Amino acid sequence: MPAGRPRKYDREALGKEFAQYIESNDIPIVAEFAYQHGMDKQLLYDWAEFTALIKTCTQKKEAALEKQALSQQVNVTMAIFSLKQLGWSDRNETTHKGDAAHPIVISHKAALW
């Protein structure tokens, strides 16, 4: 881990560069942009003024991956992995909930032969 004083970033200039990065890349990746600028990606997430840019970046990435995976332009397995990191799920979860007046009752009775 590097020692010394933390770097200071020109957030306004970095925001313009991030917007340019998003526009010029088919599949923009927050971690890639951060790496290219020698910074931890968490720093971008921590800065409130980058919230909209991060949302734009992830939405463009999501749309591009879905479209390219459907047309088999990218490795489908990798696209699925990346989309799951964005919150996609391939599981269906069902929750059954009753109310206090009419709770759900599950019983099992063995048949007598």
PDB file of N, CA and C in Angstrom:
ATOM      1  N   MET A   1       0.848  -1.174   0.000  1.00  0.00           N
ATOM      2  CA  MET A   1       0.000   0.000   0.000  1.00  0.00           C
ATOM      3  C   MET A   1       0.893   1.236   0.000  1.00  0.00           C
ATOM      4  N   PRO A   2       0.625   2.193  -0.893  1.00  0.00           N
ATOM      5  CA  PRO A   2       1.479   3.376  -0.965  1.00  0.00           C
ATOM      6  C   PRO A   2       1.382   4.220   0.288  1.00  0.00           C
ATOM      7  N   ALA A   3       2.498   4.789   0.643  1.00  0.00           N
ATOM      8  CA  ALA A   3       2.543   5.641   1.827  1.00  0.00           C
ATOM      9  C   ALA A   3       2.585   7.098   1.384  1.00  0.00           C
ATOM     10  N   GLY A   4       2.346   7.977   2.319  1.00  0.00           N
ATOM     11  CA  GLY A   4       2.443   9.396   2.012  1.00  0.00           C
ATOM     12  C   GLY A   4       1.086  10.058   1.923  1.00  0.00           C
ATOM     13  N   ARG A   5       1.138  11.297   1.517  1.00  0.00           N
ATOM     14  CA  ARG A   5      -0.058  12.119   1.430  1.00  0.00           C
ATOM     15  C   ARG A   5      -0.969  11.640   0.290  1.00  0.00           C
ATOM     16  N   PRO A   6      -2.284  11.592   0.531  1.00  0.00           N
ATOM     17  CA  PRO A   6      -3.208  11.188  -0.538  1.00  0.00           C
ATOM     18  C   PRO A   6      -3.149  12.168  -1.715  1.00  0.00           C
ATOM     19  N   ARG A   7      -3.367  11.655  -2.912  1.00  0.00           N
ATOM     20  CA  ARG A   7      -3.373  12.505  -4.092  1.00  0.00           C
ATOM     21  C   ARG A   7      -4.575  13.431  -4.076  1.00  0.00           C
ATOM     22  N   LYS A   8      -4.392  14.580  -4.662  1.00  0.00           N
ATOM     23  CA  LYS A   8      -5.521  15.490  -4.851  1.00  0.00           C
ATOM     24  C   LYS A   8      -5.893  15.444  -6.313  1.00  0.00           C
ATOM     25  N   TYR A   9      -7.192  15.357  -6.576  1.00  0.00           N
ATOM     26  CA  TYR A   9      -7.690  15.261  -7.938  1.00  0.00           C
ATOM     27  C   TYR A   9      -8.513  16.486  -8.267  1.00  0.00           C
ATOM     28  N   ASP A  10      -8.401  16.926  -9.497  1.00  0.00           N
ATOM     29  CA  ASP A  10      -9.250  17.989 -10.009  1.00  0.00           C
ATOM     30  C   ASP A  10     -10.552  17.311 -10.427  1.00  0.00           C
ATOM     31  N   ARG A  11     -11.543  17.338  -9.563  1.00  0.00           N
ATOM     32  CA  ARG A  11     -12.791  16.604  -9.806  1.00  0.00           C
ATOM     33  C   ARG A  11     -13.522  17.080 -11.050  1.00  0.00           C
ATOM     34  N   GLU A  12     -13.476  18.370 -11.305  1.00  0.00           N
ATOM     35  CA  GLU A  12     -14.169  18.895 -12.483  1.00  0.00           C
ATOM     36  C   GLU A  12     -13.532  18.352 -13.764  1.00  0.00           C
ATOM     37  N   ALA A  13     -12.206  18.388 -13.839  1.00  0.00           N
ATOM     38  CA  ALA A  13     -11.505  17.866 -15.015  1.00  0.00           C
ATOM     39  C   ALA A  13     -11.694  16.357 -15.125  1.00  0.00           C
ATOM     40  N   LEU A  14     -11.650  15.677 -13.985  1.00  0.00           N
ATOM     41  CA  LEU A  14     -11.827  14.227 -13.974  1.00  0.00           C
ATOM     42  C   LEU A  14     -13.244  13.852 -14.421  1.00  0.00           C
ATOM     43  N   GLY A  15     -14.232  14.646 -14.021  1.00  0.00           N
ATOM     44  CA  GLY A  15     -15.607  14.417 -14.445  1.00  0.00           C
ATOM     45  C   GLY A  15     -15.757  14.544 -15.952  1.00  0.00           C
ATOM     46  N   LYS A  16     -15.098  15.545 -16.543  1.00  0.00           N
ATOM     47  CA  LYS A  16     -15.135  15.721 -17.998  1.00  0.00           C
ATOM     48  C   LYS A  16     -14.458  14.545 -18.693  1.00  0.00           C
ATOM     49  N   GLU A  17     -13.343  14.088 -18.138  1.00  0.00           N
ATOM     50  CA  GLU A  17     -12.640  12.939 -18.714  1.00  0.00           C
ATOM     51  C   GLU A  17     -13.488  11.668 -18.603  1.00  0.00           C
ATOM     52  N   PHE A  18     -14.182  11.523 -17.489  1.00  0.00           N
ATOM     53  CA  PHE A  18     -15.039  10.345 -17.291  1.00  0.00           C
ATOM     54  C   PHE A  18     -16.186  10.359 -18.299  1.00  0.00           C
ATOM     55  N   ALA A  19     -16.800  11.522 -18.492  1.00  0.00           N
ATOM     56  CA  ALA A  19     -17.887  11.647 -19.475  1.00  0.00           C
ATOM     57  C   ALA A  19     -17.375  11.303 -20.873  1.00  0.00           C
ATOM     58  N   GLN A  20     -16.162  11.772 -21.202  1.00  0.00           N
ATOM     59  CA  GLN A  20     -15.557  11.471 -22.503  1.00  0.00           C
ATOM     60  C   GLN A  20     -15.276   9.972 -22.630  1.00  0.00           C
ATOM     61  N   TYR A  21     -14.783   9.368 -21.544  1.00  0.00           N
ATOM     62  CA  TYR A  21     -14.502   7.925 -21.520  1.00  0.00           C
ATOM     63  C   TYR A  21     -15.783   7.129 -21.783  1.00  0.00           C
ATOM     64  N   ILE A  22     -16.865   7.508 -21.114  1.00  0.00           N
ATOM     65  CA  ILE A  22     -18.150   6.818 -21.277  1.00  0.00           C
ATOM     66  C   ILE A  22     -18.622   6.926 -22.731  1.00  0.00           C
ATOM     67  N   GLU A  23     -18.518   8.107 -23.284  1.00  0.00           N
ATOM     68  CA  GLU A  23     -18.976   8.341 -24.657  1.00  0.00           C
ATOM     69  C   GLU A  23     -18.139   7.565 -25.676  1.00  0.00           C
ATOM     70  N   SER A  24     -16.854   7.445 -25.437  1.00  0.00           N
ATOM     71  CA  SER A  24     -15.969   6.862 -26.444  1.00  0.00           C
ATOM     72  C   SER A  24     -15.774   5.348 -26.322  1.00  0.00           C
ATOM     73  N   ASN A  25     -16.309   4.717 -25.290  1.00  0.00           N
ATOM     74  CA  ASN A  25     -16.161   3.273 -25.118  1.00  0.00           C
ATOM     75  C   ASN A  25     -17.497   2.569 -25.285  1.00  0.00           C
ATOM     76  N   ASP A  26     -17.491   1.478 -26.061  1.00  0.00           N
ATOM     77  CA  ASP A  26     -18.722   0.716 -26.266  1.00  0.00           C
ATOM     78  C   ASP A  26     -19.221   0.100 -24.962  1.00  0.00           C
ATOM     79  N   ILE A  27     -18.288  -0.425 -24.171  1.00  0.00           N
ATOM     80  CA  ILE A  27     -18.641  -1.012 -22.882  1.00  0.00           C
ATOM     81  C   ILE A  27     -17.775  -0.331 -21.813  1.00  0.00           C
ATOM     82  N   PRO A  28     -18.237   0.805 -21.293  1.00  0.00           N
ATOM     83  CA  PRO A  28     -17.444   1.513 -20.287  1.00  0.00           C
ATOM     84  C   PRO A  28     -17.462   0.784 -18.941  1.00  0.00           C
ATOM     85  N   ILE A  29     -16.325   0.822 -18.257  1.00  0.00           N
ATOM     86  CA  ILE A  29     -16.181   0.121 -16.988  1.00  0.00           C
ATOM     87  C   ILE A  29     -15.580   1.097 -15.973  1.00  0.00           C
ATOM     88  N   VAL A  30     -16.274   1.313 -14.876  1.00  0.00           N
ATOM     89  CA  VAL A  30     -15.823   2.253 -13.848  1.00  0.00           C
ATOM     90  C   VAL A  30     -14.419   1.888 -13.376  1.00  0.00           C
ATOM     91  N   ALA A  31     -14.181   0.605 -13.110  1.00  0.00           N
ATOM     92  CA  ALA A  31     -12.878   0.161 -12.601  1.00  0.00           C
ATOM     93  C   ALA A  31     -11.763   0.453 -13.607  1.00  0.00           C
ATOM     94  N   GLU A  32     -12.050   0.313 -14.895  1.00  0.00           N
ATOM     95  CA  GLU A  32     -11.038   0.590 -15.915  1.00  0.00           C
ATOM     96  C   GLU A  32     -10.672   2.069 -15.930  1.00  0.00           C
ATOM     97  N   PHE A  33     -11.689   2.931 -15.876  1.00  0.00           N
ATOM     98  CA  PHE A  33     -11.424   4.365 -15.855  1.00  0.00           C
ATOM     99  C   PHE A  33     -10.588   4.735 -14.635  1.00  0.00           C
ATOM    100  N   ALA A  34     -10.949   4.203 -13.482  1.00  0.00           N
ATOM    101  CA  ALA A  34     -10.203   4.500 -12.254  1.00  0.00           C
ATOM    102  C   ALA A  34      -8.757   4.029 -12.386  1.00  0.00           C
ATOM    103  N   TYR A  35      -8.562   2.829 -12.889  1.00  0.00           N
ATOM    104  CA  TYR A  35      -7.215   2.277 -13.063  1.00  0.00           C
ATOM    105  C   TYR A  35      -6.389   3.162 -14.001  1.00  0.00           C
ATOM    106  N   GLN A  36      -6.987   3.597 -15.090  1.00  0.00           N
ATOM    107  CA  GLN A  36      -6.282   4.438 -16.057  1.00  0.00           C
ATOM    108  C   GLN A  36      -5.851   5.772 -15.447  1.00  0.00           C
ATOM    109  N   HIS A  37      -6.534   6.172 -14.379  1.00  0.00           N
ATOM    110  CA  HIS A  37      -6.219   7.442 -13.733  1.00  0.00           C
ATOM    111  C   HIS A  37      -5.491   7.263 -12.400  1.00  0.00           C
ATOM    112  N   GLY A  38      -5.038   6.035 -12.143  1.00  0.00           N
ATOM    113  CA  GLY A  38      -4.235   5.767 -10.954  1.00  0.00           C
ATOM    114  C   GLY A  38      -4.968   5.992  -9.648  1.00  0.00           C
ATOM    115  N   MET A  39      -6.228   5.607  -9.623  1.00  0.00           N
ATOM    116  CA  MET A  39      -7.016   5.829  -8.414  1.00  0.00           C
ATOM    117  C   MET A  39      -7.862   4.603  -8.102  1.00  0.00           C
ATOM    118  N   ASP A  40      -8.327   4.518  -6.884  1.00  0.00           N
ATOM    119  CA  ASP A  40      -9.213   3.443  -6.466  1.00  0.00           C
ATOM    120  C   ASP A  40     -10.625   3.790  -6.935  1.00  0.00           C
ATOM    121  N   LYS A  41     -11.317   2.819  -7.519  1.00  0.00           N
ATOM    122  CA  LYS A  41     -12.666   3.095  -8.038  1.00  0.00           C
ATOM    123  C   LYS A  41     -13.622   3.541  -6.942  1.00  0.00           C
ATOM    124  N   GLN A  42     -13.381   3.117  -5.705  1.00  0.00           N
ATOM    125  CA  GLN A  42     -14.267   3.496  -4.608  1.00  0.00           C
ATOM    126  C   GLN A  42     -14.298   5.004  -4.414  1.00  0.00           C
ATOM    127  N   LEU A  43     -13.190   5.656  -4.741  1.00  0.00           N
ATOM    128  CA  LEU A  43     -13.127   7.109  -4.624  1.00  0.00           C
ATOM    129  C   LEU A  43     -14.177   7.760  -5.527  1.00  0.00           C
ATOM    130  N   LEU A  44     -14.351   7.223  -6.729  1.00  0.00           N
ATOM    131  CA  LEU A  44     -15.373   7.759  -7.638  1.00  0.00           C
ATOM    132  C   LEU A  44     -16.768   7.568  -7.059  1.00  0.00           C
ATOM    133  N   TYR A  45     -17.007   6.404  -6.457  1.00  0.00           N
ATOM    134  CA  TYR A  45     -18.312   6.130  -5.851  1.00  0.00           C
ATOM    135  C   TYR A  45     -18.565   7.037  -4.638  1.00  0.00           C
ATOM    136  N   ASP A  46     -17.499   7.433  -3.962  1.00  0.00           N
ATOM    137  CA  ASP A  46     -17.635   8.260  -2.764  1.00  0.00           C
ATOM    138  C   ASP A  46     -17.945   9.723  -3.089  1.00  0.00           C
ATOM    139  N   TRP A  47     -17.574  10.172  -4.264  1.00  0.00           N
ATOM    140  CA  TRP A  47     -17.800  11.566  -4.641  1.00  0.00           C
ATOM    141  C   TRP A  47     -19.218  11.726  -5.175  1.00  0.00           C
ATOM    142  N   ALA A  48     -20.027  12.498  -4.487  1.00  0.00           N
ATOM    143  CA  ALA A  48     -21.442  12.673  -4.850  1.00  0.00           C
ATOM    144  C   ALA A  48     -21.618  13.211  -6.268  1.00  0.00           C
ATOM    145  N   GLU A  49     -20.703  14.072  -6.722  1.00  0.00           N
ATOM    146  CA  GLU A  49     -20.853  14.667  -8.046  1.00  0.00           C
ATOM    147  C   GLU A  49     -20.626  13.662  -9.183  1.00  0.00           C
ATOM    148  N   PHE A  50     -20.169  12.457  -8.850  1.00  0.00           N
ATOM    149  CA  PHE A  50     -19.951  11.424  -9.861  1.00  0.00           C
ATOM    150  C   PHE A  50     -21.103  10.420  -9.930  1.00  0.00           C
ATOM    151  N   THR A  51     -22.103  10.575  -9.093  1.00  0.00           N
ATOM    152  CA  THR A  51     -23.226   9.634  -9.051  1.00  0.00           C
ATOM    153  C   THR A  51     -23.914   9.501 -10.407  1.00  0.00           C
ATOM    154  N   ALA A  52     -24.224  10.604 -11.042  1.00  0.00           N
ATOM    155  CA  ALA A  52     -24.912  10.562 -12.338  1.00  0.00           C
ATOM    156  C   ALA A  52     -24.019   9.947 -13.412  1.00  0.00           C
ATOM    157  N   LEU A  53     -22.734  10.269 -13.395  1.00  0.00           N
ATOM    158  CA  LEU A  53     -21.808   9.696 -14.381  1.00  0.00           C
ATOM    159  C   LEU A  53     -21.676   8.191 -14.209  1.00  0.00           C
ATOM    160  N   ILE A  54     -21.602   7.740 -12.965  1.00  0.00           N
ATOM    161  CA  ILE A  54     -21.498   6.300 -12.702  1.00  0.00           C
ATOM    162  C   ILE A  54     -22.763   5.593 -13.162  1.00  0.00           C
ATOM    163  N   LYS A  55     -23.911   6.209 -12.918  1.00  0.00           N
ATOM    164  CA  LYS A  55     -25.175   5.621 -13.354  1.00  0.00           C
ATOM    165  C   LYS A  55     -25.220   5.536 -14.887  1.00  0.00           C
ATOM    166  N   THR A  56     -24.797   6.598 -15.558  1.00  0.00           N
ATOM    167  CA  THR A  56     -24.749   6.595 -17.024  1.00  0.00           C
ATOM    168  C   THR A  56     -23.806   5.512 -17.523  1.00  0.00           C
ATOM    169  N   CYS A  57     -22.663   5.393 -16.878  1.00  0.00           N
ATOM    170  CA  CYS A  57     -21.664   4.385 -17.259  1.00  0.00           C
ATOM    171  C   CYS A  57     -22.227   2.976 -17.125  1.00  0.00           C
ATOM    172  N   THR A  58     -22.840   2.673 -15.998  1.00  0.00           N
ATOM    173  CA  THR A  58     -23.355   1.319 -15.779  1.00  0.00           C
ATOM    174  C   THR A  58     -24.560   1.022 -16.675  1.00  0.00           C
ATOM    175  N   GLN A  59     -25.393   2.033 -16.949  1.00  0.00           N
ATOM    176  CA  GLN A  59     -26.532   1.808 -17.842  1.00  0.00           C
ATOM    177  C   GLN A  59     -26.066   1.541 -19.269  1.00  0.00           C
ATOM    178  N   LYS A  60     -25.050   2.275 -19.722  1.00  0.00           N
ATOM    179  CA  LYS A  60     -24.520   2.043 -21.068  1.00  0.00           C
ATOM    180  C   LYS A  60     -23.879   0.657 -21.134  1.00  0.00           C
ATOM    181  N   LYS A  61     -23.135   0.297 -20.092  1.00  0.00           N
ATOM    182  CA  LYS A  61     -22.502  -1.022 -20.042  1.00  0.00           C
ATOM    183  C   LYS A  61     -23.559  -2.120 -20.078  1.00  0.00           C
ATOM    184  N   GLU A  62     -24.589  -1.978 -19.270  1.00  0.00           N
ATOM    185  CA  GLU A  62     -25.664  -2.973 -19.200  1.00  0.00           C
ATOM    186  C   GLU A  62     -26.349  -3.141 -20.560  1.00  0.00           C
ATOM    187  N   ALA A  63     -26.708  -2.024 -21.184  1.00  0.00           N
ATOM    188  CA  ALA A  63     -27.389  -2.080 -22.475  1.00  0.00           C
ATOM    189  C   ALA A  63     -26.494  -2.700 -23.547  1.00  0.00           C
ATOM    190  N   ALA A  64     -25.233  -2.306 -23.568  1.00  0.00           N
ATOM    191  CA  ALA A  64     -24.301  -2.831 -24.569  1.00  0.00           C
ATOM    192  C   ALA A  64     -24.067  -4.325 -24.384  1.00  0.00           C
ATOM    193  N   LEU A  65     -23.865  -4.753 -23.139  1.00  0.00           N
ATOM    194  CA  LEU A  65     -23.631  -6.173 -22.886  1.00  0.00           C
ATOM    195  C   LEU A  65     -24.843  -7.017 -23.257  1.00  0.00           C
ATOM    196  N   GLU A  66     -26.024  -6.542 -22.897  1.00  0.00           N
ATOM    197  CA  GLU A  66     -27.229  -7.304 -23.222  1.00  0.00           C
ATOM    198  C   GLU A  66     -27.399  -7.408 -24.739  1.00  0.00           C
ATOM    199  N   LYS A  67     -27.251  -6.294 -25.415  1.00  0.00           N
ATOM    200  CA  LYS A  67     -27.424  -6.283 -26.870  1.00  0.00           C
ATOM    201  C   LYS A  67     -26.369  -7.156 -27.562  1.00  0.00           C
ATOM    202  N   GLN A  68     -25.115  -7.033 -27.140  1.00  0.00           N
ATOM    203  CA  GLN A  68     -24.043  -7.792 -27.771  1.00  0.00           C
ATOM    204  C   GLN A  68     -24.120  -9.283 -27.427  1.00  0.00           C
ATOM    205  N   ALA A  69     -24.578  -9.603 -26.238  1.00  0.00           N
ATOM    206  CA  ALA A  69     -24.732 -11.019 -25.868  1.00  0.00           C
ATOM    207  C   ALA A  69     -25.860 -11.660 -26.679  1.00  0.00           C
ATOM    208  N   LEU A  70     -26.953 -10.930 -26.871  1.00  0.00           N
ATOM    209  CA  LEU A  70     -28.071 -11.460 -27.649  1.00  0.00           C
ATOM    210  C   LEU A  70     -27.700 -11.689 -29.116  1.00  0.00           C
ATOM    211  N   SER A  71     -26.799 -10.860 -29.630  1.00  0.00           N
ATOM    212  CA  SER A  71     -26.367 -11.022 -31.023  1.00  0.00           C
ATOM    213  C   SER A  71     -25.064 -11.812 -31.120  1.00  0.00           C
ATOM    214  N   GLN A  72     -24.646 -12.388 -30.005  1.00  0.00           N
ATOM    215  CA  GLN A  72     -23.446 -13.230 -29.906  1.00  0.00           C
ATOM    216  C   GLN A  72     -22.177 -12.521 -30.373  1.00  0.00           C
ATOM    217  N   GLN A  73     -22.073 -11.234 -30.071  1.00  0.00           N
ATOM    218  CA  GLN A  73     -20.878 -10.461 -30.392  1.00  0.00           C
ATOM    219  C   GLN A  73     -19.853 -10.504 -29.264  1.00  0.00           C
ATOM    220  N   VAL A  74     -20.298 -10.902 -28.072  1.00  0.00           N
ATOM    221  CA  VAL A  74     -19.393 -11.054 -26.925  1.00  0.00           C
ATOM    222  C   VAL A  74     -19.611 -12.436 -26.329  1.00  0.00           C
ATOM    223  N   ASN A  75     -18.655 -12.873 -25.547  1.00  0.00           N
ATOM    224  CA  ASN A  75     -18.772 -14.143 -24.850  1.00  0.00           C
ATOM    225  C   ASN A  75     -19.966 -14.058 -23.901  1.00  0.00           C
ATOM    226  N   VAL A  76     -20.958 -14.887 -24.126  1.00  0.00           N
ATOM    227  CA  VAL A  76     -22.203 -14.829 -23.362  1.00  0.00           C
ATOM    228  C   VAL A  76     -21.956 -15.088 -21.880  1.00  0.00           C
ATOM    229  N   THR A  77     -21.087 -16.037 -21.569  1.00  0.00           N
ATOM    230  CA  THR A  77     -20.797 -16.340 -20.162  1.00  0.00           C
ATOM    231  C   THR A  77     -20.206 -15.121 -19.460  1.00  0.00           C
ATOM    232  N   MET A  78     -19.282 -14.448 -20.125  1.00  0.00           N
ATOM    233  CA  MET A  78     -18.679 -13.253 -19.525  1.00  0.00           C
ATOM    234  C   MET A  78     -19.695 -12.129 -19.410  1.00  0.00           C
ATOM    235  N   ALA A  79     -20.571 -12.003 -20.397  1.00  0.00           N
ATOM    236  CA  ALA A  79     -21.621 -10.977 -20.339  1.00  0.00           C
ATOM    237  C   ALA A  79     -22.549 -11.238 -19.151  1.00  0.00           C
ATOM    238  N   ILE A  80     -22.931 -12.503 -18.953  1.00  0.00           N
ATOM    239  CA  ILE A  80     -23.798 -12.859 -17.823  1.00  0.00           C
ATOM    240  C   ILE A  80     -23.105 -12.535 -16.511  1.00  0.00           C
ATOM    241  N   PHE A  81     -21.829 -12.892 -16.399  1.00  0.00           N
ATOM    242  CA  PHE A  81     -21.060 -12.601 -15.186  1.00  0.00           C
ATOM    243  C   PHE A  81     -21.055 -11.103 -14.903  1.00  0.00           C
ATOM    244  N   SER A  82     -20.786 -10.323 -15.932  1.00  0.00           N
ATOM    245  CA  SER A  82     -20.723  -8.873 -15.771  1.00  0.00           C
ATOM    246  C   SER A  82     -22.092  -8.289 -15.431  1.00  0.00           C
ATOM    247  N   LEU A  83     -23.145  -8.789 -16.065  1.00  0.00           N
ATOM    248  CA  LEU A  83     -24.492  -8.295 -15.773  1.00  0.00           C
ATOM    249  C   LEU A  83     -24.922  -8.652 -14.353  1.00  0.00           C
ATOM    250  N   LYS A  84     -24.487  -9.805 -13.862  1.00  0.00           N
ATOM    251  CA  LYS A  84     -24.812 -10.171 -12.472  1.00  0.00           C
ATOM    252  C   LYS A  84     -24.150  -9.208 -11.503  1.00  0.00           C
ATOM    253  N   GLN A  85     -22.973  -8.694 -11.852  1.00  0.00           N
ATOM    254  CA  GLN A  85     -22.318  -7.697 -11.004  1.00  0.00           C
ATOM    255  C   GLN A  85     -23.113  -6.395 -10.974  1.00  0.00           C
ATOM    256  N   LEU A  86     -23.932  -6.185 -11.998  1.00  0.00           N
ATOM    257  CA  LEU A  86     -24.769  -4.987 -12.060  1.00  0.00           C
ATOM    258  C   LEU A  86     -26.144  -5.212 -11.427  1.00  0.00           C
ATOM    259  N   GLY A  87     -26.342  -6.396 -10.833  1.00  0.00           N
ATOM    260  CA  GLY A  87     -27.589  -6.653 -10.122  1.00  0.00           C
ATOM    261  C   GLY A  87     -28.540  -7.610 -10.802  1.00  0.00           C
ATOM    262  N   TRP A  88     -28.201  -8.082 -11.998  1.00  0.00           N
ATOM    263  CA  TRP A  88     -29.065  -9.057 -12.665  1.00  0.00           C
ATOM    264  C   TRP A  88     -29.039 -10.359 -11.896  1.00  0.00           C
ATOM    265  N   SER A  89     -30.116 -11.140 -12.038  1.00  0.00           N
ATOM    266  CA  SER A  89     -30.202 -12.431 -11.372  1.00  0.00           C
ATOM    267  C   SER A  89     -30.890 -13.425 -12.295  1.00  0.00           C
ATOM    268  N   ASP A  90     -30.465 -14.669 -12.218  1.00  0.00           N
ATOM    269  CA  ASP A  90     -31.131 -15.699 -13.007  1.00  0.00           C
ATOM    270  C   ASP A  90     -31.964 -16.609 -12.120  1.00  0.00           C
ATOM    271  N   ARG A  91     -32.251 -16.146 -10.936  1.00  0.00           N
ATOM    272  CA  ARG A  91     -33.088 -16.907  -9.998  1.00  0.00           C
ATOM    273  C   ARG A  91     -34.430 -16.224  -9.841  1.00  0.00           C
ATOM    274  N   ASN A  92     -35.431 -17.022  -9.710  1.00  0.00           N
ATOM    275  CA  ASN A  92     -36.748 -16.499  -9.363  1.00  0.00           C
ATOM    276  C   ASN A  92     -36.960 -16.772  -7.883  1.00  0.00           C
ATOM    277  N   GLU A  93     -37.212 -15.733  -7.147  1.00  0.00           N
ATOM    278  CA  GLU A  93     -37.466 -15.900  -5.730  1.00  0.00           C
ATOM    279  C   GLU A  93     -38.904 -15.516  -5.451  1.00  0.00           C
ATOM    280  N   THR A  94     -39.599 -16.382  -4.745  1.00  0.00           N
ATOM    281  CA  THR A  94     -40.983 -16.133  -4.399  1.00  0.00           C
ATOM    282  C   THR A  94     -41.103 -16.104  -2.886  1.00  0.00           C
ATOM    283  N   THR A  95     -41.747 -15.099  -2.398  1.00  0.00           N
ATOM    284  CA  THR A  95     -41.970 -14.985  -0.967  1.00  0.00           C
ATOM    285  C   THR A  95     -43.466 -15.087  -0.714  1.00  0.00           C
ATOM    286  N   HIS A  96     -43.825 -15.982   0.170  1.00  0.00           N
ATOM    287  CA  HIS A  96     -45.227 -16.124   0.565  1.00  0.00           C
ATOM    288  C   HIS A  96     -45.377 -15.508   1.946  1.00  0.00           C
ATOM    289  N   LYS A  97     -46.352 -14.664   2.071  1.00  0.00           N
ATOM    290  CA  LYS A  97     -46.514 -13.966   3.335  1.00  0.00           C
ATOM    291  C   LYS A  97     -48.001 -13.881   3.652  1.00  0.00           C
ATOM    292  N   GLY A  98     -48.346 -14.258   4.840  1.00  0.00           N
ATOM    293  CA  GLY A  98     -49.733 -14.144   5.280  1.00  0.00           C
ATOM    294  C   GLY A  98     -49.878 -12.945   6.195  1.00  0.00           C
ATOM    295  N   ASP A  99     -51.084 -12.624   6.521  1.00  0.00           N
ATOM    296  CA  ASP A  99     -51.267 -11.534   7.477  1.00  0.00           C
ATOM    297  C   ASP A  99     -51.559 -12.127   8.855  1.00  0.00           C
ATOM    298  N   ALA A 100     -51.553 -11.285   9.859  1.00  0.00           N
ATOM    299  CA  ALA A 100     -51.728 -11.749  11.240  1.00  0.00           C
ATOM    300  C   ALA A 100     -53.084 -12.414  11.451  1.00  0.00           C
ATOM    301  N   ALA A 101     -54.125 -11.923  10.768  1.00  0.00           N
ATOM    302  CA  ALA A 101     -55.465 -12.475  10.944  1.00  0.00           C
ATOM    303  C   ALA A 101     -55.624 -13.828  10.259  1.00  0.00           C
ATOM    304  N   HIS A 102     -54.907 -14.040   9.179  1.00  0.00           N
ATOM    305  CA  HIS A 102     -55.027 -15.283   8.421  1.00  0.00           C
ATOM    306  C   HIS A 102     -53.634 -15.807   8.058  1.00  0.00           C
ATOM    307  N   PRO A 103     -52.925 -16.347   9.023  1.00  0.00           N
ATOM    308  CA  PRO A 103     -51.568 -16.828   8.738  1.00  0.00           C
ATOM    309  C   PRO A 103     -51.586 -18.028   7.787  1.00  0.00           C
ATOM    310  N   ILE A 104     -50.499 -18.201   7.099  1.00  0.00           N
ATOM    311  CA  ILE A 104     -50.354 -19.349   6.200  1.00  0.00           C
ATOM    312  C   ILE A 104     -50.102 -20.581   7.058  1.00  0.00           C
ATOM    313  N   VAL A 105     -50.827 -21.652   6.767  1.00  0.00           N
ATOM    314  CA  VAL A 105     -50.654 -22.902   7.489  1.00  0.00           C
ATOM    315  C   VAL A 105     -50.265 -23.987   6.494  1.00  0.00           C
ATOM    316  N   ILE A 106     -49.175 -24.650   6.790  1.00  0.00           N
ATOM    317  CA  ILE A 106     -48.734 -25.751   5.930  1.00  0.00           C
ATOM    318  C   ILE A 106     -48.767 -26.999   6.789  1.00  0.00           C
ATOM    319  N   SER A 107     -49.464 -27.998   6.319  1.00  0.00           N
ATOM    320  CA  SER A 107     -49.511 -29.250   7.081  1.00  0.00           C
ATOM    321  C   SER A 107     -49.326 -30.432   6.121  1.00  0.00           C
ATOM    322  N   HIS A 108     -48.871 -31.489   6.686  1.00  0.00           N
ATOM    323  CA  HIS A 108     -48.647 -32.701   5.901  1.00  0.00           C
ATOM    324  C   HIS A 108     -49.271 -33.855   6.679  1.00  0.00           C
ATOM    325  N   LYS A 109     -50.185 -34.533   6.047  1.00  0.00           N
ATOM    326  CA  LYS A 109     -50.802 -35.678   6.695  1.00  0.00           C
ATOM    327  C   LYS A 109     -50.511 -36.890   5.846  1.00  0.00           C
ATOM    328  N   ALA A 110     -50.013 -37.906   6.491  1.00  0.00           N
ATOM    329  CA  ALA A 110     -49.720 -39.152   5.762  1.00  0.00           C
ATOM    330  C   ALA A 110     -51.013 -39.844   5.419  1.00  0.00           C
ATOM    331  N   ALA A 111     -51.068 -40.385   4.244  1.00  0.00           N
ATOM    332  CA  ALA A 111     -52.270 -41.125   3.820  1.00  0.00           C
ATOM    333  C   ALA A 111     -52.289 -42.485   4.502  1.00  0.00           C
ATOM    334  N   LEU A 112     -53.447 -42.878   4.947  1.00  0.00           N
ATOM    335  CA  LEU A 112     -53.596 -44.183   5.576  1.00  0.00           C
ATOM    336  C   LEU A 112     -54.165 -45.134   4.532  1.00  0.00           C
ATOM    337  N   TRP A 113     -53.510 -46.193   4.260  1.00  0.00           N
ATOM    338  CA  TRP A 113     -53.962 -47.162   3.243  1.00  0.00           C
ATOM    339  C   TRP A 113     -54.565 -48.324   3.881  1.00  0.00           C
TER     340      TRP A 113
END
